[in-house]
PDB file of all heavy atoms in Angstrom:
ATOM      1  N   ASP A   1      26.952 -67.399 -80.061  1.00  0.00           N
ATOM      2  CA  ASP A   1      25.724 -67.712 -79.355  1.00  0.00           C
ATOM      3  C   ASP A   1      25.518 -66.641 -78.264  1.00  0.00           C
ATOM      4  O   ASP A   1      26.495 -66.327 -77.551  1.00  0.00           O
ATOM      5  CB  ASP A   1      25.768 -69.072 -78.696  1.00  0.00           C
ATOM      6  CG  ASP A   1      25.727 -70.212 -79.754  1.00  0.00           C
ATOM      7  OD1 ASP A   1      25.045 -70.037 -80.761  1.00  0.00           O
ATOM      8  OD2 ASP A   1      26.361 -71.234 -79.538  1.00  0.00           O
ATOM      9  N   LEU A   2      24.298 -66.119 -78.129  1.00  0.00           N
ATOM     10  CA  LEU A   2      24.011 -65.092 -77.193  1.00  0.00           C
ATOM     11  C   LEU A   2      22.850 -65.448 -76.298  1.00  0.00           C
ATOM     12  O   LEU A   2      21.800 -64.787 -76.228  1.00  0.00           O
ATOM     13  CB  LEU A   2      23.719 -63.775 -77.928  1.00  0.00           C
ATOM     14  CG  LEU A   2      24.824 -63.244 -78.824  1.00  0.00           C
ATOM     15  CD1 LEU A   2      24.361 -62.100 -79.716  1.00  0.00           C
ATOM     16  CD2 LEU A   2      26.048 -62.817 -77.987  1.00  0.00           C
ATOM     17  N   PRO A   3      22.998 -66.524 -75.483  1.00  0.00           N
ATOM     18  CA  PRO A   3      21.903 -66.981 -74.667  1.00  0.00           C
ATOM     19  C   PRO A   3      21.515 -65.915 -73.585  1.00  0.00           C
ATOM     20  O   PRO A   3      20.330 -65.805 -73.304  1.00  0.00           O
ATOM     21  CB  PRO A   3      22.459 -68.241 -73.982  1.00  0.00           C
ATOM     22  CG  PRO A   3      23.962 -68.109 -74.075  1.00  0.00           C
ATOM     23  CD  PRO A   3      24.217 -67.369 -75.342  1.00  0.00           C
ATOM     24  N   ALA A   4      22.489 -65.163 -73.083  1.00  0.00           N
ATOM     25  CA  ALA A   4      22.197 -64.203 -72.064  1.00  0.00           C
ATOM     26  C   ALA A   4      21.255 -63.112 -72.606  1.00  0.00           C
ATOM     27  O   ALA A   4      20.325 -62.607 -71.957  1.00  0.00           O
ATOM     28  CB  ALA A   4      23.414 -63.559 -71.495  1.00  0.00           C
ATOM     29  N   LEU A   5      21.511 -62.710 -73.847  1.00  0.00           N
ATOM     30  CA  LEU A   5      20.702 -61.683 -74.517  1.00  0.00           C
ATOM     31  C   LEU A   5      19.288 -62.206 -74.748  1.00  0.00           C
ATOM     32  O   LEU A   5      18.287 -61.484 -74.575  1.00  0.00           O
ATOM     33  CB  LEU A   5      21.330 -61.249 -75.822  1.00  0.00           C
ATOM     34  CG  LEU A   5      20.691 -60.106 -76.565  1.00  0.00           C
ATOM     35  CD1 LEU A   5      20.681 -58.834 -75.741  1.00  0.00           C
ATOM     36  CD2 LEU A   5      21.365 -59.856 -77.915  1.00  0.00           C
ATOM     37  N   SER A   6      19.166 -63.510 -75.108  1.00  0.00           N
ATOM     38  CA  SER A   6      17.875 -64.122 -75.337  1.00  0.00           C
ATOM     39  C   SER A   6      17.053 -64.094 -74.023  1.00  0.00           C
ATOM     40  O   SER A   6      15.887 -63.788 -73.977  1.00  0.00           O
ATOM     41  CB  SER A   6      18.025 -65.553 -75.792  1.00  0.00           C
ATOM     42  OG  SER A   6      18.799 -65.554 -76.989  1.00  0.00           O
ATOM     43  N   ARG A   7      17.732 -64.449 -72.899  1.00  0.00           N
ATOM     44  CA  ARG A   7      16.992 -64.473 -71.628  1.00  0.00           C
ATOM     45  C   ARG A   7      16.559 -63.097 -71.238  1.00  0.00           C
ATOM     46  O   ARG A   7      15.400 -62.878 -70.739  1.00  0.00           O
ATOM     47  CB  ARG A   7      17.927 -65.056 -70.548  1.00  0.00           C
ATOM     48  CG  ARG A   7      18.199 -66.547 -70.644  1.00  0.00           C
ATOM     49  CD  ARG A   7      18.797 -67.077 -69.402  1.00  0.00           C
ATOM     50  NE  ARG A   7      20.145 -66.498 -69.131  1.00  0.00           N
ATOM     51  CZ  ARG A   7      21.253 -67.052 -69.613  1.00  0.00           C
ATOM     52  NH1 ARG A   7      21.222 -68.069 -70.374  1.00  0.00           N
ATOM     53  NH2 ARG A   7      22.386 -66.463 -69.332  1.00  0.00           N
ATOM     54  N   GLU A   8      17.390 -62.088 -71.440  1.00  0.00           N
ATOM     55  CA  GLU A   8      17.038 -60.753 -71.100  1.00  0.00           C
ATOM     56  C   GLU A   8      15.851 -60.240 -71.885  1.00  0.00           C
ATOM     57  O   GLU A   8      15.000 -59.545 -71.366  1.00  0.00           O
ATOM     58  CB  GLU A   8      18.264 -59.788 -71.369  1.00  0.00           C
ATOM     59  CG  GLU A   8      17.991 -58.361 -71.073  1.00  0.00           C
ATOM     60  CD  GLU A   8      19.217 -57.489 -71.374  1.00  0.00           C
ATOM     61  OE1 GLU A   8      20.334 -57.876 -70.881  1.00  0.00           O
ATOM     62  OE2 GLU A   8      19.078 -56.493 -72.061  1.00  0.00           O
ATOM     63  N   ALA A   9      15.740 -60.589 -73.180  1.00  0.00           N
ATOM     64  CA  ALA A   9      14.684 -60.116 -74.076  1.00  0.00           C
ATOM     65  C   ALA A   9      13.429 -61.025 -73.915  1.00  0.00           C
ATOM     66  O   ALA A   9      12.400 -60.717 -74.446  1.00  0.00           O
ATOM     67  CB  ALA A   9      15.166 -60.043 -75.454  1.00  0.00           C
ATOM     68  N   GLY A  10      13.620 -62.196 -73.257  1.00  0.00           N
ATOM     69  CA  GLY A  10      12.514 -63.137 -73.176  1.00  0.00           C
ATOM     70  C   GLY A  10      12.158 -63.739 -74.516  1.00  0.00           C
ATOM     71  O   GLY A  10      11.004 -64.027 -74.789  1.00  0.00           O
ATOM     72  N   SER A  11      13.153 -63.877 -75.362  1.00  0.00           N
ATOM     73  CA  SER A  11      12.960 -64.373 -76.691  1.00  0.00           C
ATOM     74  C   SER A  11      13.553 -65.747 -76.920  1.00  0.00           C
ATOM     75  O   SER A  11      14.205 -66.298 -76.014  1.00  0.00           O
ATOM     76  CB  SER A  11      13.527 -63.378 -77.701  1.00  0.00           C
ATOM     77  OG  SER A  11      14.928 -63.267 -77.564  1.00  0.00           O
ATOM     78  N   ALA A  12      13.394 -66.231 -78.128  1.00  0.00           N
ATOM     79  CA  ALA A  12      14.017 -67.510 -78.465  1.00  0.00           C
ATOM     80  C   ALA A  12      15.536 -67.331 -78.533  1.00  0.00           C
ATOM     81  O   ALA A  12      16.004 -66.217 -78.702  1.00  0.00           O
ATOM     82  CB  ALA A  12      13.471 -67.992 -79.821  1.00  0.00           C
ATOM     83  N   PRO A  13      16.292 -68.426 -78.440  1.00  0.00           N
ATOM     84  CA  PRO A  13      17.736 -68.327 -78.460  1.00  0.00           C
ATOM     85  C   PRO A  13      18.179 -67.586 -79.731  1.00  0.00           C
ATOM     86  O   PRO A  13      17.715 -67.749 -80.814  1.00  0.00           O
ATOM     87  CB  PRO A  13      18.193 -69.790 -78.519  1.00  0.00           C
ATOM     88  CG  PRO A  13      17.097 -70.528 -77.854  1.00  0.00           C
ATOM     89  CD  PRO A  13      15.828 -69.785 -78.216  1.00  0.00           C
ATOM     90  N   THR A  14      19.117 -66.658 -79.516  1.00  0.00           N
ATOM     91  CA  THR A  14      19.599 -65.873 -80.645  1.00  0.00           C
ATOM     92  C   THR A  14      21.099 -65.972 -80.788  1.00  0.00           C
ATOM     93  O   THR A  14      21.791 -66.606 -79.976  1.00  0.00           O
ATOM     94  CB  THR A  14      19.177 -64.394 -80.486  1.00  0.00           C
ATOM     95  OG1 THR A  14      19.406 -63.721 -81.745  1.00  0.00           O
ATOM     96  CG2 THR A  14      19.967 -63.681 -79.418  1.00  0.00           C
ATOM     97  N   SER A  15      21.614 -65.381 -81.826  1.00  0.00           N
ATOM     98  CA  SER A  15      23.071 -65.410 -82.100  1.00  0.00           C
ATOM     99  C   SER A  15      23.437 -64.069 -82.758  1.00  0.00           C
ATOM    100  O   SER A  15      22.565 -63.284 -83.103  1.00  0.00           O
ATOM    101  CB  SER A  15      23.401 -66.610 -83.016  1.00  0.00           C
ATOM    102  OG  SER A  15      22.861 -66.373 -84.287  1.00  0.00           O
ATOM    103  N   LEU A  16      24.728 -63.905 -82.942  1.00  0.00           N
ATOM    104  CA  LEU A  16      25.214 -62.710 -83.613  1.00  0.00           C
ATOM    105  C   LEU A  16      24.617 -62.574 -85.009  1.00  0.00           C
ATOM    106  O   LEU A  16      24.134 -61.515 -85.423  1.00  0.00           O
ATOM    107  CB  LEU A  16      26.724 -62.647 -83.629  1.00  0.00           C
ATOM    108  CG  LEU A  16      27.321 -61.400 -84.321  1.00  0.00           C
ATOM    109  CD1 LEU A  16      27.007 -60.145 -83.548  1.00  0.00           C
ATOM    110  CD2 LEU A  16      28.825 -61.599 -84.450  1.00  0.00           C
ATOM    111  N   TYR A  17      24.607 -63.682 -85.770  1.00  0.00           N
ATOM    112  CA  TYR A  17      24.114 -63.640 -87.122  1.00  0.00           C
ATOM    113  C   TYR A  17      22.634 -63.370 -87.201  1.00  0.00           C
ATOM    114  O   TYR A  17      22.159 -62.607 -88.061  1.00  0.00           O
ATOM    115  CB  TYR A  17      24.461 -64.959 -87.843  1.00  0.00           C
ATOM    116  CG  TYR A  17      25.847 -65.107 -88.285  1.00  0.00           C
ATOM    117  CD1 TYR A  17      26.845 -64.101 -88.037  1.00  0.00           C
ATOM    118  CD2 TYR A  17      26.294 -66.245 -88.961  1.00  0.00           C
ATOM    119  CE1 TYR A  17      28.148 -64.273 -88.437  1.00  0.00           C
ATOM    120  CE2 TYR A  17      27.641 -66.432 -89.404  1.00  0.00           C
ATOM    121  CZ  TYR A  17      28.530 -65.424 -89.121  1.00  0.00           C
ATOM    122  OH  TYR A  17      29.849 -65.595 -89.496  1.00  0.00           O
ATOM    123  N   ARG A  18      21.840 -63.915 -86.271  1.00  0.00           N
ATOM    124  CA  ARG A  18      20.450 -63.613 -86.212  1.00  0.00           C
ATOM    125  C   ARG A  18      20.210 -62.134 -85.891  1.00  0.00           C
ATOM    126  O   ARG A  18      19.321 -61.487 -86.402  1.00  0.00           O
ATOM    127  CB  ARG A  18      19.728 -64.498 -85.218  1.00  0.00           C
ATOM    128  CG  ARG A  18      19.658 -65.935 -85.585  1.00  0.00           C
ATOM    129  CD  ARG A  18      18.722 -66.733 -84.712  1.00  0.00           C
ATOM    130  NE  ARG A  18      18.727 -68.168 -84.981  1.00  0.00           N
ATOM    131  CZ  ARG A  18      19.417 -69.044 -84.297  1.00  0.00           C
ATOM    132  NH1 ARG A  18      20.164 -68.657 -83.261  1.00  0.00           N
ATOM    133  NH2 ARG A  18      19.390 -70.327 -84.594  1.00  0.00           N
ATOM    134  N   LEU A  19      21.057 -61.618 -85.009  1.00  0.00           N
ATOM    135  CA  LEU A  19      20.904 -60.261 -84.596  1.00  0.00           C
ATOM    136  C   LEU A  19      21.166 -59.309 -85.785  1.00  0.00           C
ATOM    137  O   LEU A  19      20.507 -58.251 -85.934  1.00  0.00           O
ATOM    138  CB  LEU A  19      21.965 -59.960 -83.489  1.00  0.00           C
ATOM    139  CG  LEU A  19      21.706 -58.792 -82.514  1.00  0.00           C
ATOM    140  CD1 LEU A  19      20.352 -58.971 -81.782  1.00  0.00           C
ATOM    141  CD2 LEU A  19      22.837 -58.638 -81.536  1.00  0.00           C
ATOM    142  N   LEU A  20      22.120 -59.689 -86.625  1.00  0.00           N
ATOM    143  CA  LEU A  20      22.454 -58.866 -87.844  1.00  0.00           C
ATOM    144  C   LEU A  20      21.298 -58.707 -88.807  1.00  0.00           C
ATOM    145  O   LEU A  20      21.310 -57.843 -89.641  1.00  0.00           O
ATOM    146  CB  LEU A  20      23.666 -59.417 -88.535  1.00  0.00           C
ATOM    147  CG  LEU A  20      25.026 -59.168 -87.753  1.00  0.00           C
ATOM    148  CD1 LEU A  20      26.138 -59.941 -88.425  1.00  0.00           C
ATOM    149  CD2 LEU A  20      25.373 -57.711 -87.684  1.00  0.00           C
ATOM    150  N   ALA A  21      20.338 -59.593 -88.718  1.00  0.00           N
ATOM    151  CA  ALA A  21      19.140 -59.523 -89.607  1.00  0.00           C
ATOM    152  C   ALA A  21      18.345 -58.262 -89.294  1.00  0.00           C
ATOM    153  O   ALA A  21      17.618 -57.779 -90.095  1.00  0.00           O
ATOM    154  CB  ALA A  21      18.257 -60.766 -89.408  1.00  0.00           C
ATOM    155  N   GLY A  22      18.608 -57.678 -88.110  1.00  0.00           N
ATOM    156  CA  GLY A  22      17.927 -56.482 -87.704  1.00  0.00           C
ATOM    157  C   GLY A  22      18.670 -55.182 -88.017  1.00  0.00           C
ATOM    158  O   GLY A  22      18.183 -54.116 -87.669  1.00  0.00           O
ATOM    159  N   GLY A  23      19.802 -55.353 -88.638  1.00  0.00           N
ATOM    160  CA  GLY A  23      20.564 -54.150 -89.001  1.00  0.00           C
ATOM    161  C   GLY A  23      22.067 -54.255 -88.572  1.00  0.00           C
ATOM    162  O   GLY A  23      22.387 -55.180 -87.788  1.00  0.00           O
ATOM    163  N   PRO A  24      22.929 -53.372 -89.113  1.00  0.00           N
ATOM    164  CA  PRO A  24      24.357 -53.401 -88.728  1.00  0.00           C
ATOM    165  C   PRO A  24      24.524 -53.232 -87.223  1.00  0.00           C
ATOM    166  O   PRO A  24      23.684 -52.631 -86.592  1.00  0.00           O
ATOM    167  CB  PRO A  24      24.963 -52.267 -89.532  1.00  0.00           C
ATOM    168  CG  PRO A  24      23.841 -51.349 -89.884  1.00  0.00           C
ATOM    169  CD  PRO A  24      22.607 -52.255 -89.991  1.00  0.00           C
ATOM    170  N   LEU A  25      25.622 -53.743 -86.732  1.00  0.00           N
ATOM    171  CA  LEU A  25      25.806 -53.818 -85.286  1.00  0.00           C
ATOM    172  C   LEU A  25      27.174 -53.213 -84.897  1.00  0.00           C
ATOM    173  O   LEU A  25      28.218 -53.480 -85.470  1.00  0.00           O
ATOM    174  CB  LEU A  25      25.825 -55.305 -84.892  1.00  0.00           C
ATOM    175  CG  LEU A  25      26.113 -55.621 -83.435  1.00  0.00           C
ATOM    176  CD1 LEU A  25      24.923 -55.173 -82.538  1.00  0.00           C
ATOM    177  CD2 LEU A  25      26.384 -57.129 -83.236  1.00  0.00           C
ATOM    178  N   VAL A  26      27.074 -52.373 -83.858  1.00  0.00           N
ATOM    179  CA  VAL A  26      28.307 -51.911 -83.109  1.00  0.00           C
ATOM    180  C   VAL A  26      28.528 -52.946 -82.032  1.00  0.00           C
ATOM    181  O   VAL A  26      27.700 -53.084 -81.098  1.00  0.00           O
ATOM    182  CB  VAL A  26      28.135 -50.500 -82.559  1.00  0.00           C
ATOM    183  CG1 VAL A  26      29.401 -50.082 -81.822  1.00  0.00           C
ATOM    184  CG2 VAL A  26      27.871 -49.490 -83.688  1.00  0.00           C
ATOM    185  N   LEU A  27      29.610 -53.609 -82.102  1.00  0.00           N
ATOM    186  CA  LEU A  27      29.959 -54.687 -81.110  1.00  0.00           C
ATOM    187  C   LEU A  27      31.161 -54.215 -80.261  1.00  0.00           C
ATOM    188  O   LEU A  27      32.244 -53.990 -80.834  1.00  0.00           O
ATOM    189  CB  LEU A  27      30.242 -55.979 -81.820  1.00  0.00           C
ATOM    190  CG  LEU A  27      30.626 -57.206 -80.935  1.00  0.00           C
ATOM    191  CD1 LEU A  27      29.458 -57.558 -80.008  1.00  0.00           C
ATOM    192  CD2 LEU A  27      31.079 -58.351 -81.801  1.00  0.00           C
ATOM    193  N   LYS A  28      30.958 -54.094 -78.969  1.00  0.00           N
ATOM    194  CA  LYS A  28      32.039 -53.606 -78.109  1.00  0.00           C
ATOM    195  C   LYS A  28      32.421 -54.654 -77.105  1.00  0.00           C
ATOM    196  O   LYS A  28      31.607 -55.334 -76.519  1.00  0.00           O
ATOM    197  CB  LYS A  28      31.591 -52.371 -77.349  1.00  0.00           C
ATOM    198  CG  LYS A  28      31.311 -51.165 -78.235  1.00  0.00           C
ATOM    199  CD  LYS A  28      31.249 -49.895 -77.436  1.00  0.00           C
ATOM    200  CE  LYS A  28      32.463 -49.646 -76.625  1.00  0.00           C
ATOM    201  NZ  LYS A  28      33.722 -49.683 -77.460  1.00  0.00           N
ATOM    202  N   PHE A  29      33.742 -54.810 -76.873  1.00  0.00           N
ATOM    203  CA  PHE A  29      34.253 -55.659 -75.856  1.00  0.00           C
ATOM    204  C   PHE A  29      34.831 -54.746 -74.738  1.00  0.00           C
ATOM    205  O   PHE A  29      35.625 -53.836 -75.049  1.00  0.00           O
ATOM    206  CB  PHE A  29      35.341 -56.558 -76.405  1.00  0.00           C
ATOM    207  CG  PHE A  29      34.798 -57.658 -77.291  1.00  0.00           C
ATOM    208  CD1 PHE A  29      34.689 -57.422 -78.665  1.00  0.00           C
ATOM    209  CD2 PHE A  29      34.439 -58.910 -76.794  1.00  0.00           C
ATOM    210  CE1 PHE A  29      34.180 -58.396 -79.492  1.00  0.00           C
ATOM    211  CE2 PHE A  29      33.955 -59.904 -77.649  1.00  0.00           C
ATOM    212  CZ  PHE A  29      33.831 -59.651 -78.988  1.00  0.00           C
ATOM    213  N   VAL A  30      34.487 -55.023 -73.514  1.00  0.00           N
ATOM    214  CA  VAL A  30      34.982 -54.249 -72.359  1.00  0.00           C
ATOM    215  C   VAL A  30      35.409 -55.126 -71.263  1.00  0.00           C
ATOM    216  O   VAL A  30      34.870 -56.255 -71.073  1.00  0.00           O
ATOM    217  CB  VAL A  30      33.909 -53.236 -71.874  1.00  0.00           C
ATOM    218  CG1 VAL A  30      33.553 -52.257 -73.001  1.00  0.00           C
ATOM    219  CG2 VAL A  30      32.664 -53.960 -71.377  1.00  0.00           C
ATOM    220  N   PRO A  31      36.385 -54.679 -70.412  1.00  0.00           N
ATOM    221  CA  PRO A  31      36.829 -55.482 -69.299  1.00  0.00           C
ATOM    222  C   PRO A  31      35.760 -55.666 -68.192  1.00  0.00           C
ATOM    223  O   PRO A  31      35.701 -56.666 -67.515  1.00  0.00           O
ATOM    224  CB  PRO A  31      38.036 -54.696 -68.730  1.00  0.00           C
ATOM    225  CG  PRO A  31      38.428 -53.788 -69.828  1.00  0.00           C
ATOM    226  CD  PRO A  31      37.188 -53.448 -70.574  1.00  0.00           C
ATOM    227  N   GLY A  32      34.941 -54.637 -67.984  1.00  0.00           N
ATOM    228  CA  GLY A  32      33.926 -54.676 -66.927  1.00  0.00           C
ATOM    229  C   GLY A  32      33.777 -53.360 -66.208  1.00  0.00           C
ATOM    230  O   GLY A  32      34.524 -52.437 -66.482  1.00  0.00           O
ATOM    231  N   ARG A  33      32.830 -53.285 -65.250  1.00  0.00           N
ATOM    232  CA  ARG A  33      32.543 -52.026 -64.618  1.00  0.00           C
ATOM    233  C   ARG A  33      33.635 -51.496 -63.719  1.00  0.00           C
ATOM    234  O   ARG A  33      33.610 -50.307 -63.330  1.00  0.00           O
ATOM    235  CB  ARG A  33      31.220 -52.137 -63.803  1.00  0.00           C
ATOM    236  CG  ARG A  33      31.310 -53.007 -62.571  1.00  0.00           C
ATOM    237  CD  ARG A  33      29.957 -53.133 -61.864  1.00  0.00           C
ATOM    238  NE  ARG A  33      30.040 -54.066 -60.787  1.00  0.00           N
ATOM    239  CZ  ARG A  33      30.248 -53.720 -59.507  1.00  0.00           C
ATOM    240  NH1 ARG A  33      30.397 -52.435 -59.196  1.00  0.00           N
ATOM    241  NH2 ARG A  33      30.320 -54.644 -58.563  1.00  0.00           N
ATOM    242  N   SER A  34      34.578 -52.381 -63.314  1.00  0.00           N
ATOM    243  CA  SER A  34      35.660 -51.940 -62.438  1.00  0.00           C
ATOM    244  C   SER A  34      36.658 -51.016 -63.224  1.00  0.00           C
ATOM    245  O   SER A  34      37.494 -50.401 -62.565  1.00  0.00           O
ATOM    246  CB  SER A  34      36.371 -53.136 -61.845  1.00  0.00           C
ATOM    247  OG  SER A  34      36.969 -53.951 -62.832  1.00  0.00           O
ATOM    248  N   CYS A  35      36.576 -50.977 -64.484  1.00  0.00           N
ATOM    249  CA  CYS A  35      37.474 -50.179 -65.298  1.00  0.00           C
ATOM    250  C   CYS A  35      36.890 -48.785 -65.459  1.00  0.00           C
ATOM    251  O   CYS A  35      35.845 -48.586 -66.116  1.00  0.00           O
ATOM    252  CB  CYS A  35      37.716 -50.825 -66.677  1.00  0.00           C
ATOM    253  SG  CYS A  35      38.627 -49.804 -67.822  1.00  0.00           S
ATOM    254  N   PRO A  36      37.500 -47.729 -64.909  1.00  0.00           N
ATOM    255  CA  PRO A  36      36.936 -46.407 -65.048  1.00  0.00           C
ATOM    256  C   PRO A  36      36.896 -45.886 -66.477  1.00  0.00           C
ATOM    257  O   PRO A  36      36.015 -45.057 -66.840  1.00  0.00           O
ATOM    258  CB  PRO A  36      37.825 -45.528 -64.196  1.00  0.00           C
ATOM    259  CG  PRO A  36      39.137 -46.293 -64.105  1.00  0.00           C
ATOM    260  CD  PRO A  36      38.761 -47.766 -64.124  1.00  0.00           C
ATOM    261  N   TYR A  37      37.825 -46.329 -67.311  1.00  0.00           N
ATOM    262  CA  TYR A  37      37.797 -45.870 -68.705  1.00  0.00           C
ATOM    263  C   TYR A  37      36.604 -46.462 -69.397  1.00  0.00           C
ATOM    264  O   TYR A  37      35.948 -45.771 -70.238  1.00  0.00           O
ATOM    265  CB  TYR A  37      39.119 -46.324 -69.391  1.00  0.00           C
ATOM    266  CG  TYR A  37      40.344 -45.640 -68.859  1.00  0.00           C
ATOM    267  CD1 TYR A  37      41.037 -46.216 -67.818  1.00  0.00           C
ATOM    268  CD2 TYR A  37      40.751 -44.383 -69.281  1.00  0.00           C
ATOM    269  CE1 TYR A  37      42.170 -45.612 -67.260  1.00  0.00           C
ATOM    270  CE2 TYR A  37      41.871 -43.802 -68.772  1.00  0.00           C
ATOM    271  CZ  TYR A  37      42.575 -44.366 -67.736  1.00  0.00           C
ATOM    272  OH  TYR A  37      43.635 -43.778 -67.196  1.00  0.00           O
ATOM    273  N   THR A  38      36.260 -47.706 -69.088  1.00  0.00           N
ATOM    274  CA  THR A  38      35.021 -48.310 -69.660  1.00  0.00           C
ATOM    275  C   THR A  38      33.759 -47.545 -69.190  1.00  0.00           C
ATOM    276  O   THR A  38      32.851 -47.354 -69.960  1.00  0.00           O
ATOM    277  CB  THR A  38      34.957 -49.798 -69.242  1.00  0.00           C
ATOM    278  OG1 THR A  38      36.008 -50.476 -69.895  1.00  0.00           O
ATOM    279  CG2 THR A  38      33.622 -50.426 -69.617  1.00  0.00           C
ATOM    280  N   THR A  39      33.774 -47.201 -67.900  1.00  0.00           N
ATOM    281  CA  THR A  39      32.634 -46.421 -67.390  1.00  0.00           C
ATOM    282  C   THR A  39      32.403 -45.143 -68.181  1.00  0.00           C
ATOM    283  O   THR A  39      31.270 -44.857 -68.605  1.00  0.00           O
ATOM    284  CB  THR A  39      32.874 -46.081 -65.898  1.00  0.00           C
ATOM    285  OG1 THR A  39      32.884 -47.232 -65.118  1.00  0.00           O
ATOM    286  CG2 THR A  39      31.788 -45.125 -65.343  1.00  0.00           C
TER     287      THR A  39
END
């Protein structure tokens, strides 16, 4: 479930599977902005 992405886009609630209907996805997990390697 990706409610934060839905709010950002101003769209109906979405999910990973709904997102994949728009094409293949690069999905990245990161610790956050405090990590210089992530930056």
